[in-house]
PDB file of N, CA and C in Angstrom:
ATOM      1  N   MET A   1       0.846  -1.191   0.000  1.00  0.00           N
ATOM      2  CA  MET A   1       0.000   0.000   0.000  1.00  0.00           C
ATOM      3  C   MET A   1       0.883   1.244   0.000  1.00  0.00           C
ATOM      4  N   ASP A   2       0.543   2.191  -0.826  1.00  0.00           N
ATOM      5  CA  ASP A   2       1.350   3.411  -0.868  1.00  0.00           C
ATOM      6  C   ASP A   2       1.059   4.255   0.376  1.00  0.00           C
ATOM      7  N   SER A   3       1.792   5.348   0.505  1.00  0.00           N
ATOM      8  CA  SER A   3       1.675   6.123   1.733  1.00  0.00           C
ATOM      9  C   SER A   3       0.279   6.747   1.838  1.00  0.00           C
ATOM     10  N   GLN A   4      -0.277   6.568   2.987  1.00  0.00           N
ATOM     11  CA  GLN A   4      -1.636   7.020   3.261  1.00  0.00           C
ATOM     12  C   GLN A   4      -1.594   8.469   3.733  1.00  0.00           C
ATOM     13  N   PRO A   5      -2.548   9.305   3.282  1.00  0.00           N
ATOM     14  CA  PRO A   5      -2.583  10.664   3.840  1.00  0.00           C
ATOM     15  C   PRO A   5      -2.898  10.619   5.335  1.00  0.00           C
ATOM     16  N   ARG A   6      -2.529  11.682   6.015  1.00  0.00           N
ATOM     17  CA  ARG A   6      -2.798  11.761   7.446  1.00  0.00           C
ATOM     18  C   ARG A   6      -4.305  11.859   7.676  1.00  0.00           C
ATOM     19  N   VAL A   7      -4.819  11.044   8.586  1.00  0.00           N
ATOM     20  CA  VAL A   7      -6.253  11.024   8.878  1.00  0.00           C
ATOM     21  C   VAL A   7      -6.458  11.373  10.347  1.00  0.00           C
ATOM     22  N   ILE A   8      -7.271  12.398  10.578  1.00  0.00           N
ATOM     23  CA  ILE A   8      -7.649  12.793  11.940  1.00  0.00           C
ATOM     24  C   ILE A   8      -9.163  12.753  12.002  1.00  0.00           C
ATOM     25  N   ILE A   9      -9.700  12.129  13.039  1.00  0.00           N
ATOM     26  CA  ILE A   9     -11.144  12.114  13.219  1.00  0.00           C
ATOM     27  C   ILE A   9     -11.479  12.765  14.556  1.00  0.00           C
ATOM     28  N   PHE A  10     -12.273  13.815  14.475  1.00  0.00           N
ATOM     29  CA  PHE A  10     -12.730  14.532  15.665  1.00  0.00           C
ATOM     30  C   PHE A  10     -14.034  13.884  16.113  1.00  0.00           C
ATOM     31  N   THR A  11     -14.082  13.471  17.390  1.00  0.00           N
ATOM     32  CA  THR A  11     -15.203  12.679  17.885  1.00  0.00           C
ATOM     33  C   THR A  11     -15.671  13.165  19.258  1.00  0.00           C
ATOM     34  N   THR A  12     -16.808  12.602  19.676  1.00  0.00           N
ATOM     35  CA  THR A  12     -17.241  12.654  21.077  1.00  0.00           C
ATOM     36  C   THR A  12     -17.580  11.224  21.487  1.00  0.00           C
ATOM     37  N   PRO A  13     -17.526  10.935  22.789  1.00  0.00           N
ATOM     38  CA  PRO A  13     -17.760   9.551  23.227  1.00  0.00           C
ATOM     39  C   PRO A  13     -19.168   9.038  22.924  1.00  0.00           C
ATOM     40  N   THR A  14     -20.149   9.916  22.843  1.00  0.00           N
ATOM     41  CA  THR A  14     -21.537   9.474  22.684  1.00  0.00           C
ATOM     42  C   THR A  14     -22.014   9.490  21.236  1.00  0.00           C
ATOM     43  N   CYS A  15     -21.136   9.838  20.304  1.00  0.00           N
ATOM     44  CA  CYS A  15     -21.541  10.010  18.905  1.00  0.00           C
ATOM     45  C   CYS A  15     -21.557   8.668  18.175  1.00  0.00           C
ATOM     46  N   ARG A  16     -22.761   8.240  17.755  1.00  0.00           N
ATOM     47  CA  ARG A  16     -22.921   6.976  17.016  1.00  0.00           C
ATOM     48  C   ARG A  16     -22.172   6.988  15.700  1.00  0.00           C
ATOM     49  N   TYR A  17     -22.272   8.110  14.982  1.00  0.00           N
ATOM     50  CA  TYR A  17     -21.631   8.191  13.657  1.00  0.00           C
ATOM     51  C   TYR A  17     -20.117   8.182  13.782  1.00  0.00           C
ATOM     52  N   CYS A  18     -19.612   8.716  14.897  1.00  0.00           N
ATOM     53  CA  CYS A  18     -18.165   8.666  15.141  1.00  0.00           C
ATOM     54  C   CYS A  18     -17.716   7.211  15.266  1.00  0.00           C
ATOM     55  N   SER A  19     -18.469   6.429  16.034  1.00  0.00           N
ATOM     56  CA  SER A  19     -18.133   5.009  16.205  1.00  0.00           C
ATOM     57  C   SER A  19     -18.178   4.286  14.871  1.00  0.00           C
ATOM     58  N   THR A  20     -19.202   4.577  14.079  1.00  0.00           N
ATOM     59  CA  THR A  20     -19.344   3.943  12.766  1.00  0.00           C
ATOM     60  C   THR A  20     -18.163   4.307  11.872  1.00  0.00           C
ATOM     61  N   ALA A  21     -17.787   5.585  11.883  1.00  0.00           N
ATOM     62  CA  ALA A  21     -16.666   6.040  11.050  1.00  0.00           C
ATOM     63  C   ALA A  21     -15.368   5.369  11.481  1.00  0.00           C
ATOM     64  N   LYS A  22     -15.125   5.283  12.786  1.00  0.00           N
ATOM     65  CA  LYS A  22     -13.898   4.650  13.280  1.00  0.00           C
ATOM     66  C   LYS A  22     -13.877   3.171  12.904  1.00  0.00           C
ATOM     67  N   GLN A  23     -15.006   2.486  13.050  1.00  0.00           N
ATOM     68  CA  GLN A  23     -15.075   1.070  12.678  1.00  0.00           C
ATOM     69  C   GLN A  23     -14.789   0.894  11.186  1.00  0.00           C
ATOM     70  N   TYR A  24     -15.340   1.784  10.386  1.00  0.00           N
ATOM     71  CA  TYR A  24     -15.137   1.706   8.941  1.00  0.00           C
ATOM     72  C   TYR A  24     -13.650   1.864   8.604  1.00  0.00           C
ATOM     73  N   LEU A  25     -13.005   2.872   9.197  1.00  0.00           N
ATOM     74  CA  LEU A  25     -11.576   3.097   8.942  1.00  0.00           C
ATOM     75  C   LEU A  25     -10.757   1.889   9.399  1.00  0.00           C
ATOM     76  N   GLN A  26     -11.112   1.327  10.550  1.00  0.00           N
ATOM     77  CA  GLN A  26     -10.385   0.150  11.043  1.00  0.00           C
ATOM     78  C   GLN A  26     -10.561  -1.035  10.104  1.00  0.00           C
ATOM     79  N   GLN A  27     -11.797  -1.249   9.619  1.00  0.00           N
ATOM     80  CA  GLN A  27     -12.061  -2.335   8.667  1.00  0.00           C
ATOM     81  C   GLN A  27     -11.187  -2.189   7.428  1.00  0.00           C
ATOM     82  N   LYS A  28     -11.011  -0.944   6.984  1.00  0.00           N
ATOM     83  CA  LYS A  28     -10.232  -0.668   5.772  1.00  0.00           C
ATOM     84  C   LYS A  28      -8.733  -0.584   6.061  1.00  0.00           C
ATOM     85  N   LYS A  29      -8.350  -0.853   7.308  1.00  0.00           N
ATOM     86  CA  LYS A  29      -6.936  -0.830   7.736  1.00  0.00           C
ATOM     87  C   LYS A  29      -6.296   0.552   7.544  1.00  0.00           C
ATOM     88  N   ILE A  30      -7.095   1.591   7.807  1.00  0.00           N
ATOM     89  CA  ILE A  30      -6.601   2.965   7.704  1.00  0.00           C
ATOM     90  C   ILE A  30      -6.160   3.434   9.085  1.00  0.00           C
ATOM     91  N   ARG A  31      -4.931   3.922   9.166  1.00  0.00           N
ATOM     92  CA  ARG A  31      -4.444   4.484  10.429  1.00  0.00           C
ATOM     93  C   ARG A  31      -5.052   5.876  10.607  1.00  0.00           C
ATOM     94  N   PHE A  32      -5.456   6.186  11.831  1.00  0.00           N
ATOM     95  CA  PHE A  32      -6.009   7.510  12.081  1.00  0.00           C
ATOM     96  C   PHE A  32      -5.721   7.937  13.514  1.00  0.00           C
ATOM     97  N   LYS A  33      -5.765   9.233  13.689  1.00  0.00           N
ATOM     98  CA  LYS A  33      -5.625   9.812  15.022  1.00  0.00           C
ATOM     99  C   LYS A  33      -7.014  10.262  15.454  1.00  0.00           C
ATOM    100  N   GLU A  34      -7.453   9.806  16.615  1.00  0.00           N
ATOM    101  CA  GLU A  34      -8.757  10.220  17.139  1.00  0.00           C
ATOM    102  C   GLU A  34      -8.569  11.363  18.124  1.00  0.00           C
ATOM    103  N   VAL A  35      -9.390  12.401  17.971  1.00  0.00           N
ATOM    104  CA  VAL A  35      -9.345  13.538  18.882  1.00  0.00           C
ATOM    105  C   VAL A  35     -10.730  13.692  19.500  1.00  0.00           C
ATOM    106  N   ASP A  36     -10.812  13.507  20.818  1.00  0.00           N
ATOM    107  CA  ASP A  36     -12.077  13.654  21.546  1.00  0.00           C
ATOM    108  C   ASP A  36     -12.253  15.129  21.905  1.00  0.00           C
ATOM    109  N   VAL A  37     -13.184  15.795  21.224  1.00  0.00           N
ATOM    110  CA  VAL A  37     -13.345  17.239  21.424  1.00  0.00           C
ATOM    111  C   VAL A  37     -14.009  17.577  22.756  1.00  0.00           C
ATOM    112  N   THR A  38     -14.568  16.585  23.459  1.00  0.00           N
ATOM    113  CA  THR A  38     -15.124  16.873  24.792  1.00  0.00           C
ATOM    114  C   THR A  38     -14.016  17.004  25.827  1.00  0.00           C
ATOM    115  N   ARG A  39     -12.842  16.471  25.540  1.00  0.00           N
ATOM    116  CA  ARG A  39     -11.741  16.499  26.501  1.00  0.00           C
ATOM    117  C   ARG A  39     -10.720  17.596  26.200  1.00  0.00           C
ATOM    118  N   ASP A  40     -10.843  18.207  25.037  1.00  0.00           N
ATOM    119  CA  ASP A  40      -9.800  19.130  24.586  1.00  0.00           C
ATOM    120  C   ASP A  40     -10.443  20.326  23.890  1.00  0.00           C
ATOM    121  N   ALA A  41     -10.573  21.425  24.630  1.00  0.00           N
ATOM    122  CA  ALA A  41     -11.243  22.624  24.094  1.00  0.00           C
ATOM    123  C   ALA A  41     -10.485  23.200  22.902  1.00  0.00           C
ATOM    124  N   ALA A  42      -9.157  23.139  22.937  1.00  0.00           N
ATOM    125  CA  ALA A  42      -8.366  23.654  21.812  1.00  0.00           C
ATOM    126  C   ALA A  42      -8.639  22.829  20.559  1.00  0.00           C
ATOM    127  N   ALA A  43      -8.769  21.520  20.726  1.00  0.00           N
ATOM    128  CA  ALA A  43      -9.071  20.646  19.588  1.00  0.00           C
ATOM    129  C   ALA A  43     -10.462  20.949  19.038  1.00  0.00           C
ATOM    130  N   ALA A  44     -11.403  21.226  19.935  1.00  0.00           N
ATOM    131  CA  ALA A  44     -12.762  21.572  19.494  1.00  0.00           C
ATOM    132  C   ALA A  44     -12.728  22.846  18.658  1.00  0.00           C
ATOM    133  N   ARG A  45     -11.974  23.841  19.100  1.00  0.00           N
ATOM    134  CA  ARG A  45     -11.837  25.087  18.316  1.00  0.00           C
ATOM    135  C   ARG A  45     -11.159  24.811  16.975  1.00  0.00           C
ATOM    136  N   ASP A  46     -10.146  23.960  16.993  1.00  0.00           N
ATOM    137  CA  ASP A  46      -9.442  23.591  15.768  1.00  0.00           C
ATOM    138  C   ASP A  46     -10.400  22.918  14.788  1.00  0.00           C
ATOM    139  N   MET A  47     -11.249  22.024  15.300  1.00  0.00           N
ATOM    140  CA  MET A  47     -12.222  21.330  14.455  1.00  0.00           C
ATOM    141  C   MET A  47     -13.172  22.334  13.804  1.00  0.00           C
ATOM    142  N   VAL A  48     -13.676  23.278  14.590  1.00  0.00           N
ATOM    143  CA  VAL A  48     -14.609  24.282  14.054  1.00  0.00           C
ATOM    144  C   VAL A  48     -13.897  25.151  13.017  1.00  0.00           C
ATOM    145  N   ARG A  49     -12.639  25.494  13.295  1.00  0.00           N
ATOM    146  CA  ARG A  49     -11.864  26.302  12.349  1.00  0.00           C
ATOM    147  C   ARG A  49     -11.690  25.557  11.029  1.00  0.00           C
ATOM    148  N   ARG A  50     -11.395  24.269  11.105  1.00  0.00           N
ATOM    149  CA  ARG A  50     -11.183  23.477   9.888  1.00  0.00           C
ATOM    150  C   ARG A  50     -12.472  23.287   9.103  1.00  0.00           C
ATOM    151  N   SER A  51     -13.579  23.033   9.831  1.00  0.00           N
ATOM    152  CA  SER A  51     -14.799  22.540   9.171  1.00  0.00           C
ATOM    153  C   SER A  51     -15.926  23.560   9.118  1.00  0.00           C
ATOM    154  N   GLY A  52     -15.874  24.573   9.994  1.00  0.00           N
ATOM    155  CA  GLY A  52     -16.999  25.486  10.111  1.00  0.00           C
ATOM    156  C   GLY A  52     -18.184  24.851  10.815  1.00  0.00           C
ATOM    157  N   GLN A  53     -17.994  23.693  11.413  1.00  0.00           N
ATOM    158  CA  GLN A  53     -19.078  22.921  12.030  1.00  0.00           C
ATOM    159  C   GLN A  53     -18.789  22.647  13.492  1.00  0.00           C
ATOM    160  N   GLN A  54     -19.869  22.565  14.275  1.00  0.00           N
ATOM    161  CA  GLN A  54     -19.764  22.122  15.673  1.00  0.00           C
ATOM    162  C   GLN A  54     -19.966  20.613  15.776  1.00  0.00           C
ATOM    163  N   GLY A  55     -20.664  20.038  14.798  1.00  0.00           N
ATOM    164  CA  GLY A  55     -21.051  18.626  14.884  1.00  0.00           C
ATOM    165  C   GLY A  55     -19.893  17.687  14.604  1.00  0.00           C
ATOM    166  N   VAL A  56     -19.999  16.493  15.132  1.00  0.00           N
ATOM    167  CA  VAL A  56     -19.014  15.438  14.893  1.00  0.00           C
ATOM    168  C   VAL A  56     -19.717  14.257  14.226  1.00  0.00           C
ATOM    169  N   PRO A  57     -19.015  13.385  13.563  1.00  0.00           N
ATOM    170  CA  PRO A  57     -17.569  13.434  13.366  1.00  0.00           C
ATOM    171  C   PRO A  57     -17.162  14.425  12.281  1.00  0.00           C
ATOM    172  N   VAL A  58     -15.970  14.965  12.455  1.00  0.00           N
ATOM    173  CA  VAL A  58     -15.303  15.689  11.381  1.00  0.00           C
ATOM    174  C   VAL A  58     -14.051  14.881  11.082  1.00  0.00           C
ATOM    175  N   ILE A  59     -13.884  14.522   9.818  1.00  0.00           N
ATOM    176  CA  ILE A  59     -12.749  13.702   9.409  1.00  0.00           C
ATOM    177  C   ILE A  59     -11.877  14.541   8.477  1.00  0.00           C
ATOM    178  N   ASP A  60     -10.611  14.657   8.849  1.00  0.00           N
ATOM    179  CA  ASP A  60      -9.633  15.394   8.048  1.00  0.00           C
ATOM    180  C   ASP A  60      -8.728  14.365   7.392  1.00  0.00           C
ATOM    181  N   ILE A  61      -8.813  14.277   6.067  1.00  0.00           N
ATOM    182  CA  ILE A  61      -7.986  13.322   5.312  1.00  0.00           C
ATOM    183  C   ILE A  61      -7.032  14.143   4.452  1.00  0.00           C
ATOM    184  N   GLY A  62      -5.801  14.261   4.926  1.00  0.00           N
ATOM    185  CA  GLY A  62      -4.798  15.010   4.185  1.00  0.00           C
ATOM    186  C   GLY A  62      -5.221  16.441   3.897  1.00  0.00           C
ATOM    187  N   GLY A  63      -5.956  17.053   4.834  1.00  0.00           N
ATOM    188  CA  GLY A  63      -6.386  18.445   4.671  1.00  0.00           C
ATOM    189  C   GLY A  63      -7.754  18.600   4.027  1.00  0.00           C
ATOM    190  N   LYS A  64      -8.334  17.506   3.522  1.00  0.00           N
ATOM    191  CA  LYS A  64      -9.699  17.558   2.977  1.00  0.00           C
ATOM    192  C   LYS A  64     -10.666  17.203   4.102  1.00  0.00           C
ATOM    193  N   ILE A  65     -11.692  18.017   4.256  1.00  0.00           N
ATOM    194  CA  ILE A  65     -12.594  17.879   5.399  1.00  0.00           C
ATOM    195  C   ILE A  65     -13.887  17.179   4.991  1.00  0.00           C
ATOM    196  N   ILE A  66     -14.276  16.203   5.792  1.00  0.00           N
ATOM    197  CA  ILE A  66     -15.570  15.537   5.644  1.00  0.00           C
ATOM    198  C   ILE A  66     -16.331  15.755   6.945  1.00  0.00           C
ATOM    199  N   VAL A  67     -17.533  16.291   6.836  1.00  0.00           N
ATOM    200  CA  VAL A  67     -18.376  16.471   8.013  1.00  0.00           C
ATOM    201  C   VAL A  67     -19.395  15.337   8.015  1.00  0.00           C
ATOM    202  N   GLY A  68     -19.412  14.586   9.120  1.00  0.00           N
ATOM    203  CA  GLY A  68     -20.292  13.428   9.195  1.00  0.00           C
ATOM    204  C   GLY A  68     -19.613  12.199   8.619  1.00  0.00           C
ATOM    205  N   PHE A  69     -20.327  11.074   8.666  1.00  0.00           N
ATOM    206  CA  PHE A  69     -19.786   9.828   8.122  1.00  0.00           C
ATOM    207  C   PHE A  69     -20.275   9.691   6.690  1.00  0.00           C
ATOM    208  N   ASP A  70     -19.394  10.011   5.753  1.00  0.00           N
ATOM    209  CA  ASP A  70     -19.726   9.968   4.326  1.00  0.00           C
ATOM    210  C   ASP A  70     -18.782   8.958   3.674  1.00  0.00           C
ATOM    211  N   ARG A  71     -19.267   7.722   3.584  1.00  0.00           N
ATOM    212  CA  ARG A  71     -18.421   6.623   3.108  1.00  0.00           C
ATOM    213  C   ARG A  71     -17.858   6.896   1.721  1.00  0.00           C
ATOM    214  N   SER A  72     -18.667   7.455   0.809  1.00  0.00           N
ATOM    215  CA  SER A  72     -18.181   7.654  -0.559  1.00  0.00           C
ATOM    216  C   SER A  72     -17.054   8.691  -0.597  1.00  0.00           C
ATOM    217  N   LYS A  73     -17.161   9.742   0.216  1.00  0.00           N
ATOM    218  CA  LYS A  73     -16.069  10.738   0.261  1.00  0.00           C
ATOM    219  C   LYS A  73     -14.822  10.142   0.905  1.00  0.00           C
ATOM    220  N   ILE A  74     -15.013   9.381   1.978  1.00  0.00           N
ATOM    221  CA  ILE A  74     -13.857   8.736   2.629  1.00  0.00           C
ATOM    222  C   ILE A  74     -13.136   7.865   1.604  1.00  0.00           C
ATOM    223  N   ASP A  75     -13.900   7.045   0.893  1.00  0.00           N
ATOM    224  CA  ASP A  75     -13.300   6.155  -0.112  1.00  0.00           C
ATOM    225  C   ASP A  75     -12.567   6.961  -1.186  1.00  0.00           C
ATOM    226  N   ARG A  76     -13.200   8.049  -1.645  1.00  0.00           N
ATOM    227  CA  ARG A  76     -12.598   8.865  -2.706  1.00  0.00           C
ATOM    228  C   ARG A  76     -11.302   9.510  -2.210  1.00  0.00           C
ATOM    229  N   TYR A  77     -11.333  10.123  -1.035  1.00  0.00           N
ATOM    230  CA  TYR A  77     -10.153  10.834  -0.529  1.00  0.00           C
ATOM    231  C   TYR A  77      -9.009   9.894  -0.186  1.00  0.00           C
ATOM    232  N   LEU A  78      -9.335   8.629   0.134  1.00  0.00           N
ATOM    233  CA  LEU A  78      -8.300   7.651   0.468  1.00  0.00           C
ATOM    234  C   LEU A  78      -7.991   6.718  -0.704  1.00  0.00           C
ATOM    235  N   ASN A  79      -8.626   6.968  -1.841  1.00  0.00           N
ATOM    236  CA  ASN A  79      -8.447   6.104  -3.020  1.00  0.00           C
ATOM    237  C   ASN A  79      -8.754   4.639  -2.715  1.00  0.00           C
ATOM    238  N   LEU A  80      -9.850   4.401  -1.997  1.00  0.00           N
ATOM    239  CA  LEU A  80     -10.297   3.039  -1.710  1.00  0.00           C
ATOM    240  C   LEU A  80     -11.299   2.635  -2.777  1.00  0.00           C
ATOM    241  N   ASN A  81     -11.307   1.376  -3.120  1.00  0.00           N
ATOM    242  CA  ASN A  81     -12.292   0.926  -4.122  1.00  0.00           C
ATOM    243  C   ASN A  81     -13.164  -0.166  -3.563  1.00  0.00           C
TER     244      ASN A  81
END
């Protein structure tokens, strides 16, 4: 596998879609960094700055932002088929 772009997923512990997104990335063997925005106010501000959104999940794939769990965008940005 060629080098994967950096993946950051901004989450909260109670977010169903966050869990689904993390499971999906794990199934696809994608490495990612999880950031819990309930524990880190600076990270929450960073997420809003990147996405313009308060809602989670926000997934940053090599600087491209996905708000929510959007499987087709995740696949496209990671070149998954």
